[in-house]
Protein backbone atom coordinates (compact mmCIF):
# COMPACT_ATOMS: atom_id res chain seq x y z
CA UNK A 1 -87.03 -109.08 81.27
CA UNK A 2 -90.22 -111.14 79.59
CA UNK A 3 -90.20 -114.39 82.29
CA UNK A 4 -94.10 -114.54 82.16
CA UNK A 5 -93.86 -115.00 78.32
CA UNK A 6 -91.84 -117.56 78.38
CA UNK A 7 -95.05 -119.62 78.16
CA UNK A 8 -97.08 -116.82 76.77
CA UNK A 9 -99.97 -118.96 77.61
CA UNK A 10 -99.72 -121.78 75.19
CA UNK A 11 -102.30 -121.76 72.94
CA UNK A 12 -102.38 -117.87 72.65
CA UNK A 13 -98.30 -117.71 71.42
CA UNK A 14 -98.94 -120.61 69.09
CA UNK A 15 -102.24 -119.09 67.20
CA UNK A 16 -100.22 -115.90 67.07
CA UNK A 17 -97.00 -117.27 65.41
CA UNK A 18 -99.82 -119.40 63.29
CA UNK A 19 -101.29 -116.27 61.78
CA UNK A 20 -97.76 -114.41 61.56
CA UNK A 21 -96.26 -117.17 59.49
CA UNK A 22 -99.22 -118.19 57.50
CA UNK A 23 -97.14 -118.51 54.46
CA UNK A 24 -94.51 -120.38 55.77
CA UNK A 25 -96.49 -123.36 56.79
CA UNK A 26 -95.05 -125.30 53.58
CA UNK A 27 -91.75 -124.53 54.59
CA UNK A 28 -91.90 -126.24 57.63
CA UNK A 29 -88.75 -127.75 58.18
CA UNK A 30 -89.36 -132.15 57.88
CA UNK A 31 -88.98 -133.42 61.68
CA UNK A 32 -86.75 -136.32 60.88
CA UNK A 33 -83.79 -133.56 61.25
CA UNK A 34 -82.06 -134.33 57.81
CA UNK A 35 -82.19 -131.17 56.04
CA UNK A 36 -85.31 -131.96 53.32
CA UNK A 37 -88.47 -130.63 51.75
CA UNK A 38 -87.49 -127.15 51.47
CA UNK A 39 -84.39 -126.17 50.63
CA UNK A 40 -81.85 -126.83 53.25
CA UNK A 41 -84.09 -127.75 56.09
CA UNK A 42 -86.26 -124.70 55.43
CA UNK A 43 -83.22 -122.14 56.13
CA UNK A 44 -82.81 -120.80 52.73
CA UNK A 45 -84.80 -117.67 53.73
CA UNK A 46 -83.41 -117.41 56.86
CA UNK A 47 -82.99 -118.07 60.47
CA UNK A 48 -86.11 -116.11 61.21
CA UNK A 49 -88.18 -117.57 58.60
CA UNK A 50 -87.01 -120.86 60.03
CA UNK A 51 -87.93 -120.55 63.42
CA UNK A 52 -91.76 -119.08 62.79
CA UNK A 53 -91.97 -122.22 60.80
CA UNK A 54 -90.71 -124.52 63.16
CA UNK A 55 -92.65 -122.71 66.18
CA UNK A 56 -96.12 -123.65 64.02
CA UNK A 57 -94.83 -127.46 64.09
CA UNK A 58 -93.97 -127.39 67.24
CA UNK A 59 -94.83 -124.25 69.89
CA UNK A 60 -94.13 -126.03 73.12
CA UNK A 61 -90.54 -126.94 71.79
CA UNK A 62 -87.56 -125.42 73.82
CA UNK A 63 -85.52 -123.84 71.71
CA UNK A 64 -83.13 -121.43 73.86
CA UNK A 65 -82.05 -122.28 77.21
CA UNK A 66 -78.83 -121.11 79.05
CA UNK A 67 -76.80 -122.81 82.24
CA UNK A 68 -74.32 -121.37 84.44
CA UNK A 69 -74.24 -118.14 86.91
CA UNK A 70 -75.99 -116.01 84.16
CA UNK A 71 -76.92 -113.44 87.02
CA UNK A 72 -73.39 -113.45 88.43
CA UNK A 73 -72.56 -112.85 84.47
CA UNK A 74 -75.14 -110.64 83.33
CA UNK A 75 -77.26 -109.85 86.00
CA UNK A 76 -80.28 -111.38 83.97
CA UNK A 77 -81.96 -114.83 84.72
CA UNK A 78 -81.72 -117.75 82.70
CA UNK A 79 -84.96 -118.11 80.97
CA UNK A 80 -85.99 -121.01 78.94
CA UNK A 81 -87.70 -120.22 75.67
CA UNK A 82 -89.84 -122.21 73.46
CA UNK A 83 -90.46 -122.17 69.94
CA UNK A 84 -93.59 -119.86 70.27
CA UNK A 85 -92.32 -117.68 73.01
CA UNK A 86 -89.06 -117.08 71.17
CA UNK A 87 -90.77 -116.05 67.69
CA UNK A 88 -93.36 -113.92 69.72
CA UNK A 89 -90.42 -111.95 70.97
CA UNK A 90 -88.60 -111.72 68.25
CA UNK A 91 -91.87 -110.89 66.32
CA UNK A 92 -91.71 -107.58 68.89
CA UNK A 93 -87.83 -106.75 68.50
CA UNK A 94 -88.55 -106.74 64.88
CA UNK A 95 -90.89 -104.85 65.01
CA UNK A 96 -89.43 -102.14 66.95
CA UNK A 97 -86.32 -102.25 65.00
CA UNK A 98 -88.72 -101.56 62.35
CA UNK A 99 -89.51 -98.26 63.72
CA UNK A 100 -86.08 -96.86 63.13
CA UNK A 101 -87.03 -96.22 59.57
CA UNK A 102 -83.41 -97.54 58.55
CA UNK A 103 -83.20 -98.73 54.89
CA UNK A 104 -83.94 -102.55 54.12
CA UNK A 105 -80.42 -104.45 54.60
CA UNK A 106 -79.13 -101.84 57.39
CA UNK A 107 -75.73 -103.11 58.46
CA UNK A 108 -76.61 -103.48 62.23
CA UNK A 109 -73.77 -105.27 64.87
CA UNK A 110 -74.30 -107.81 67.35
CA UNK A 111 -72.06 -107.32 69.87
CA UNK A 112 -73.18 -110.28 72.67
CA UNK A 113 -71.16 -112.75 74.87
CA UNK A 114 -73.62 -115.39 73.37
CA UNK A 115 -76.93 -117.29 75.00
CA UNK A 116 -80.68 -116.76 74.47
CA UNK A 117 -80.23 -112.53 74.20
CA UNK A 118 -77.40 -113.06 71.27
CA UNK A 119 -79.64 -115.49 69.42
CA UNK A 120 -83.04 -113.52 69.76
CA UNK A 121 -80.83 -110.09 69.20
CA UNK A 122 -79.78 -112.39 65.89
CA UNK A 123 -82.70 -113.23 64.64
CA UNK A 124 -84.42 -109.96 65.23
CA UNK A 125 -82.43 -108.21 63.40
CA UNK A 126 -82.59 -110.36 60.56
CA UNK A 127 -86.97 -111.09 60.71
CA UNK A 128 -86.55 -106.45 60.49
CA UNK A 129 -85.22 -106.72 57.32
CA UNK A 130 -81.18 -106.16 58.26
CA UNK A 131 -78.06 -107.77 58.05
CA UNK A 132 -76.63 -108.82 61.49
CA UNK A 133 -73.15 -108.67 61.76
CA UNK A 134 -72.11 -110.61 64.43
CA UNK A 135 -68.82 -109.39 66.69
CA UNK A 136 -66.71 -111.10 68.91
CA UNK A 137 -67.28 -110.31 72.31
CA UNK A 138 -63.70 -110.29 72.99
CA UNK A 139 -63.29 -107.07 71.18
CA UNK A 140 -61.30 -104.14 73.00
CA UNK A 141 -62.59 -100.39 72.41
CA UNK A 142 -60.11 -100.31 69.58
CA UNK A 143 -61.51 -103.23 68.38
CA UNK A 144 -64.97 -102.35 68.51
CA UNK A 145 -64.73 -99.33 66.65
CA UNK A 146 -62.80 -100.72 64.06
CA UNK A 147 -65.21 -103.29 63.55
CA UNK A 148 -68.07 -100.42 63.30
CA UNK A 149 -65.86 -99.10 60.83
CA UNK A 150 -65.30 -101.46 58.22
CA UNK A 151 -68.48 -103.24 58.11
CA UNK A 152 -70.32 -99.70 57.93
CA UNK A 153 -72.85 -100.66 60.84
CA UNK A 154 -75.41 -98.07 61.35
CA UNK A 155 -76.59 -99.62 64.56
CA UNK A 156 -75.52 -102.00 67.25
CA UNK A 157 -77.31 -104.40 69.64
CA UNK A 158 -75.32 -105.67 73.03
CA UNK A 159 -75.80 -106.08 76.40
CA UNK A 160 -75.34 -104.42 79.53
CA UNK A 161 -73.51 -106.27 81.76
CA UNK A 162 -70.80 -108.49 80.44
CA UNK A 163 -68.57 -110.08 83.52
CA UNK A 164 -66.67 -106.88 84.67
CA UNK A 165 -66.94 -105.07 81.63
CA UNK A 166 -70.26 -102.98 80.38
CA UNK A 167 -70.41 -102.93 77.19
CA UNK A 168 -73.28 -100.69 76.14
CA UNK A 169 -71.53 -98.37 77.95
CA UNK A 170 -68.25 -98.72 75.50
CA UNK A 171 -70.89 -98.68 72.70
CA UNK A 172 -71.33 -94.80 73.89
CA UNK A 173 -68.05 -93.90 73.59
CA UNK A 174 -67.26 -95.51 70.33
CA UNK A 175 -70.38 -94.00 68.87
CA UNK A 176 -68.70 -90.29 69.25
CA UNK A 177 -66.51 -91.12 66.37
CA UNK A 178 -69.09 -92.77 64.07
CA UNK A 179 -71.41 -90.42 62.88
CA UNK A 180 -73.20 -93.19 60.93
CA UNK A 181 -73.85 -95.02 64.21
CA UNK A 182 -77.17 -94.09 64.38
CA UNK A 183 -78.79 -96.34 67.10
CA UNK A 184 -77.50 -98.15 69.93
CA UNK A 185 -80.06 -100.75 71.81
CA UNK A 186 -78.85 -103.41 74.56
CA UNK A 187 -80.63 -105.68 77.01
CA UNK A 188 -80.70 -104.25 80.53
CA UNK A 189 -79.42 -104.40 83.24
CA UNK A 190 -77.41 -101.16 83.52
CA UNK A 191 -78.57 -100.01 80.05
CA UNK A 192 -76.94 -95.80 80.25
CA UNK A 193 -78.72 -92.66 78.65
CA UNK A 194 -79.01 -92.84 74.99
CA UNK A 195 -79.31 -96.49 74.80
CA UNK A 196 -82.35 -98.33 73.37
CA UNK A 197 -83.64 -100.76 76.35
CA UNK A 198 -84.35 -104.01 74.24
CA UNK A 199 -86.23 -104.81 77.74
CA UNK A 200 -88.62 -102.57 76.91
CA UNK A 201 -89.36 -102.98 73.36
CA UNK A 202 -89.87 -106.67 73.92
CA UNK A 203 -92.62 -105.69 75.97
CA UNK A 204 -94.67 -103.55 73.28
CA UNK A 205 -97.24 -105.47 71.73
CA UNK A 206 -97.36 -106.07 68.40
CA UNK A 207 -95.17 -108.46 66.10
CA UNK A 208 -94.35 -108.55 62.23
CA UNK A 209 -93.42 -111.48 60.07
CA UNK A 210 -90.41 -112.21 59.52
CA UNK A 211 -88.76 -110.50 56.69
CA UNK A 212 -86.44 -112.79 54.18
CA UNK A 213 -82.94 -113.07 55.17
CA UNK A 214 -80.40 -110.99 53.59
CA UNK A 215 -77.46 -112.89 54.88
CA UNK A 216 -75.37 -112.70 57.50
CA UNK A 217 -71.43 -111.27 58.13
CA UNK A 218 -68.78 -112.45 60.48
CA UNK A 219 -64.90 -111.50 60.88
CA UNK A 220 -62.56 -113.51 59.72
CA UNK A 221 -60.35 -114.51 62.35
CA UNK A 222 -61.69 -112.22 65.14
CA UNK A 223 -60.21 -109.53 62.84
CA UNK A 224 -62.55 -105.91 62.76
CA UNK A 225 -60.86 -105.37 59.52
CA UNK A 226 -61.80 -108.16 57.85
CA UNK A 227 -65.97 -108.30 57.45
CA UNK A 228 -67.13 -111.36 55.38
CA UNK A 229 -70.42 -112.19 54.23
CA UNK A 230 -72.38 -114.93 52.91
CA UNK A 231 -75.82 -115.02 51.68
CA UNK A 232 -79.01 -116.72 53.66
CA UNK A 233 -78.76 -119.52 51.49
CA UNK A 234 -75.15 -119.82 51.55
CA UNK A 235 -75.56 -120.36 55.35
CA UNK A 236 -78.31 -122.45 54.74
CA UNK A 237 -76.16 -124.71 52.96
CA UNK A 238 -73.04 -124.53 55.08
CA UNK A 239 -75.70 -125.88 58.08
CA UNK A 240 -76.91 -128.85 56.06
CA UNK A 241 -73.35 -129.77 55.10
CA UNK A 242 -72.87 -129.78 58.68
CA UNK A 243 -75.48 -131.89 59.12
CA UNK A 244 -74.80 -134.21 56.70
CA UNK A 245 -72.53 -136.31 58.41
CA UNK A 246 -75.49 -136.99 60.94
CA UNK A 247 -78.50 -135.46 60.94
CA UNK A 248 -79.81 -133.72 64.14
CA UNK A 249 -83.75 -134.83 65.14
CA UNK A 250 -86.41 -132.50 66.90
CA UNK A 251 -86.19 -134.19 69.78
CA UNK A 252 -82.54 -133.47 71.02
CA UNK A 253 -80.55 -130.33 72.12
CA UNK A 254 -77.53 -129.03 71.34
CA UNK A 255 -75.14 -127.98 73.92
CA UNK A 256 -72.21 -126.01 72.86
CA UNK A 257 -69.46 -124.30 74.45
CA UNK A 258 -69.35 -122.40 71.64
CA UNK A 259 -70.67 -118.35 71.52
CA UNK A 260 -72.35 -117.72 68.30
CA UNK A 261 -70.35 -114.81 66.80
CA UNK A 262 -68.58 -116.84 64.40
CA UNK A 263 -69.33 -119.14 61.68
CA UNK A 264 -68.43 -122.11 63.35
CA UNK A 265 -70.46 -121.31 66.43
CA UNK A 266 -73.65 -120.06 64.14
CA UNK A 267 -73.56 -123.82 62.08
CA UNK A 268 -73.27 -126.06 64.91
CA UNK A 269 -75.21 -123.38 67.49
CA UNK A 270 -78.23 -121.74 66.02
CA UNK A 271 -78.13 -123.03 62.39
CA UNK A 272 -78.03 -126.52 63.41
CA UNK A 273 -80.77 -126.41 65.58
CA UNK A 274 -83.33 -124.51 63.60
CA UNK A 275 -82.60 -126.47 60.90
CA UNK A 276 -84.23 -129.55 62.50
CA UNK A 277 -86.76 -127.51 65.29
CA UNK A 278 -84.07 -129.13 68.22
CA UNK A 279 -83.44 -127.22 71.21
CA UNK A 280 -80.20 -125.16 71.91
CA UNK A 281 -78.41 -124.53 75.21
CA UNK A 282 -75.27 -122.85 75.92
CA UNK A 283 -72.57 -122.54 78.76
CA UNK A 284 -71.46 -118.91 78.00
CA UNK A 285 -69.44 -118.24 79.76
CA UNK A 286 -68.04 -121.74 81.06
CA UNK A 287 -69.15 -122.60 84.74
CA UNK A 288 -67.77 -125.94 85.60
CA UNK A 289 -70.96 -126.32 88.09
CA UNK A 290 -73.43 -125.31 85.27
CA UNK A 291 -71.97 -127.44 83.13
CA UNK A 292 -72.16 -130.60 85.05
CA UNK A 293 -75.78 -129.95 85.98
CA UNK A 294 -77.01 -129.01 82.27
CA UNK A 295 -75.20 -132.77 81.30
CA UNK A 296 -77.00 -134.46 83.45
CA UNK A 297 -80.73 -133.11 81.92
CA UNK A 298 -82.96 -135.98 81.22
CA UNK A 299 -82.62 -134.69 77.09
CA UNK A 300 -80.88 -136.69 74.25
CA UNK A 301 -77.83 -134.57 73.36
CA UNK A 302 -75.35 -133.34 71.18
CA UNK A 303 -72.47 -131.96 72.97
CA UNK A 304 -70.32 -129.63 71.17
CA UNK A 305 -66.75 -128.68 72.35
CA UNK A 306 -64.12 -126.87 71.28
CA UNK A 307 -60.62 -129.01 70.66
CA UNK A 308 -58.94 -127.39 73.36
CA UNK A 309 -61.56 -128.61 75.87
CA UNK A 310 -61.26 -132.24 74.70
CA UNK A 311 -58.57 -133.46 77.53
CA UNK A 312 -60.37 -131.86 79.67
CA UNK A 313 -63.65 -133.87 78.83
CA UNK A 314 -61.45 -137.20 79.19
CA UNK A 315 -61.62 -136.84 82.82
CA UNK A 316 -65.38 -136.13 83.03
CA UNK A 317 -67.56 -139.24 82.84
CA UNK A 318 -70.39 -138.45 80.04
CA UNK A 319 -73.98 -139.24 81.22
CA UNK A 320 -75.86 -141.64 78.51
CA UNK A 321 -77.89 -139.00 77.27
CA UNK A 322 -75.25 -137.42 75.50
CA UNK A 323 -75.56 -139.40 72.46
CA UNK A 324 -73.02 -137.47 69.99
CA UNK A 325 -70.20 -135.10 70.96
CA UNK A 326 -68.83 -132.77 68.47
CA UNK A 327 -65.35 -131.99 68.45
CA UNK A 328 -64.64 -128.62 67.05
CA UNK A 329 -60.88 -128.00 65.39
CA UNK A 330 -60.15 -124.36 63.95
CA UNK A 331 -57.70 -124.24 61.57
CA UNK A 332 -54.40 -123.93 61.46
CA UNK A 333 -54.36 -127.42 63.96
CA UNK A 334 -53.37 -131.12 64.35
CA UNK A 335 -54.72 -133.79 63.65
CA UNK A 336 -53.96 -135.65 66.33
CA UNK A 337 -56.69 -137.93 67.71
CA UNK A 338 -57.13 -138.01 71.39
CA UNK A 339 -59.42 -141.16 73.00
CA UNK A 340 -61.68 -140.04 75.06
CA UNK A 341 -62.83 -143.48 75.75
CA UNK A 342 -64.01 -146.69 73.45
CA UNK A 343 -67.57 -146.77 75.49
CA UNK A 344 -67.90 -142.88 75.28
CA UNK A 345 -70.56 -141.60 72.81
CA UNK A 346 -70.89 -141.35 68.58
CA UNK A 347 -68.76 -138.90 67.90
CA UNK A 348 -68.03 -136.23 65.02
CA UNK A 349 -64.95 -134.13 64.23
CA UNK A 350 -65.78 -130.67 62.73
CA UNK A 351 -63.07 -128.35 61.25
CA UNK A 352 -63.10 -124.85 61.04
CA UNK A 353 -61.31 -122.89 57.40
CA UNK A 354 -61.30 -119.75 58.89
CA UNK A 355 -64.76 -118.26 57.65
CA UNK A 356 -64.83 -119.92 54.22
CA UNK A 357 -66.40 -123.51 55.67
CA UNK A 358 -67.25 -126.19 58.14
CA UNK A 359 -66.02 -129.73 57.47
CA UNK A 360 -67.75 -132.25 59.64
CA UNK A 361 -66.83 -135.71 59.70
CA UNK A 362 -67.77 -138.20 61.89
CA UNK A 363 -64.14 -138.89 62.98
CA UNK A 364 -60.98 -137.00 63.38
CA UNK A 365 -59.11 -139.70 61.10
CA UNK A 366 -62.04 -139.31 58.33
CA UNK A 367 -61.14 -134.76 58.56
CA UNK A 368 -57.71 -136.49 58.14
CA UNK A 369 -58.37 -138.92 55.34
CA UNK A 370 -60.81 -136.51 53.51
CA UNK A 371 -58.01 -133.84 53.44
CA UNK A 372 -55.44 -136.17 52.40
CA UNK A 373 -57.01 -137.24 49.04
CA UNK A 374 -60.70 -135.15 48.85
CA UNK A 375 -61.53 -136.41 45.84
CA UNK A 376 -61.94 -140.03 47.37
CA UNK A 377 -64.29 -138.77 50.09
CA UNK A 378 -68.05 -138.94 50.73
CA UNK A 379 -68.78 -135.02 50.40
CA UNK A 380 -72.11 -133.73 49.85
CA UNK A 381 -70.55 -132.14 46.45
CA UNK A 382 -73.90 -130.49 45.69
CA UNK A 383 -73.07 -128.36 49.16
CA UNK A 384 -69.22 -128.33 49.38
CA UNK A 385 -66.63 -129.32 47.02
CA UNK A 386 -62.76 -129.80 48.64
CA UNK A 387 -59.86 -130.14 46.56
CA UNK A 388 -55.68 -129.75 46.49
CA UNK A 389 -54.14 -128.15 43.93
CA UNK A 390 -50.96 -128.50 42.48
CA UNK A 391 -48.87 -126.78 44.97
CA UNK A 392 -50.77 -128.79 47.92
CA UNK A 393 -53.33 -126.00 49.02
CA UNK A 394 -56.65 -126.46 49.72
CA UNK A 395 -59.13 -125.15 47.65
CA UNK A 396 -63.26 -125.16 47.82
CA UNK A 397 -66.28 -124.69 45.78
CA UNK A 398 -69.99 -124.73 46.73
CA UNK A 399 -72.90 -122.84 48.29
CA UNK A 400 -71.63 -123.84 51.78
CA UNK A 401 -68.41 -122.30 51.15
CA UNK A 402 -69.23 -119.04 49.07
CA UNK A 403 -68.27 -116.29 51.40
CA UNK A 404 -66.47 -112.99 50.44
CA UNK A 405 -64.93 -109.71 51.64
CA UNK A 406 -67.60 -107.53 52.53
CA UNK A 407 -67.30 -104.09 50.89
CA UNK A 408 -68.71 -100.73 52.47
CA UNK A 409 -71.31 -99.27 50.56
CA UNK A 410 -72.78 -102.77 48.82
CA UNK A 411 -73.91 -105.78 48.90
CA UNK A 412 -71.21 -108.61 46.77
CA UNK A 413 -72.08 -111.39 44.96
CA UNK A 414 -70.79 -114.42 45.34
CA UNK A 415 -70.35 -117.67 42.62
CA UNK A 416 -70.65 -120.62 44.00
CA UNK A 417 -69.45 -122.91 41.32
CA UNK A 418 -65.88 -120.89 41.46
CA UNK A 419 -63.09 -122.59 43.23
CA UNK A 420 -61.40 -120.67 45.91
CA UNK A 421 -58.93 -120.95 48.47
CA UNK A 422 -59.47 -122.11 51.88
CA UNK A 423 -56.32 -120.55 52.66
CA UNK A 424 -54.94 -123.63 54.46
CA UNK A 425 -52.72 -126.55 53.16
CA UNK A 426 -52.79 -129.83 54.73
CA UNK A 427 -49.59 -131.47 55.73
CA UNK A 428 -49.36 -135.06 54.80
CA UNK A 429 -47.51 -138.33 56.52
CA UNK A 430 -48.34 -142.04 55.65
CA UNK A 431 -50.62 -140.97 53.32
CA UNK A 432 -53.27 -139.16 55.78
CA UNK A 433 -53.58 -135.36 56.87
CA UNK A 434 -51.35 -135.09 60.23
CA UNK A 435 -52.05 -131.55 60.49
CA UNK A 436 -53.64 -128.11 58.64
CA UNK A 437 -51.37 -124.84 58.21
CA UNK A 438 -51.44 -121.77 57.22
CA UNK A 439 -51.03 -121.80 52.96
């Protein structure tokens, strides 16, 4: 697609970014990696604005990279994207999407398996002034149709090939049942007739400065009938609460095995790296050879893995460059520590409470203690507060968990000061939480 634009000649891309984002210089995220300066690491106006601001501070830093056999999976080569190149392509895609003349804040679906194209599409939709709606790649055609209907989508961006599937073709069939679905677009290859080529759009000259984000939409439990909305400030707060446990620095990369279609993947992945000006490398779909090669890259690394992968990881010696291991648990879950080794990297554990909140603590014991007695825990309470009710159910409040069901036809309001149920209940034994179950 745009391999020749990867470095963009260096200076040209950097100067262009500087011109487009001149108003964002005061919002550039601090190089320390600690969310500071502008609110929540510069992400309160959105991820795309954060991208352009970070491109000013470090245009030649790497932001996106894919590992594994991408050609076999989606027919596309792996491209390493600098901040300058990513900002340029996001600006071009946003300009192309703007040419569709959709009303500001229109809901646009993102149906990707993960990787750089998924991140670029998300950023472009946001930069164009619309509402990105991330949809799980595993949905079948019936679920895809239900998600389009429930979220009230007017456009969907996807990929032409995903393993044996042809998502763009699936979308053309789904579009026949949804008269409000006006635009379909896809990265190639295998882009069918009637679907706009995002590759061609990315080659068109001309960019737009990113609009302030209108938030984002994910789907609770991957259920196509349960879209969930959160504002840009709420998402920025969720990222800041996650990074409060251990800040990420601009010199690090996040190496993740999680897709970016839900709160857990977006907070620990794209959101975290943009808050710090760091890099994001994805191993999707999982490929053992690609994963091993990615691990050996001489870059300070924060490795993000789902809890189900932990036992397999215990058999794999991690290189010294892996400084932090973030194990992500999705409630309901057991809170039993599986030791990886005393000499291993510093450990974080992130507990995902549906699409409501991400609780990240320095170790699973700390997660268990926090759930058992949240009032005594060292939480960033200005962002995320937890409490157990008289019935034992876990409630939360704060901007980091200010999410709500997405109705059709209107943008809902949320009250970050209101207590709300997480839908889960810690199960205690010996004064600590041994698991968390549905309430």
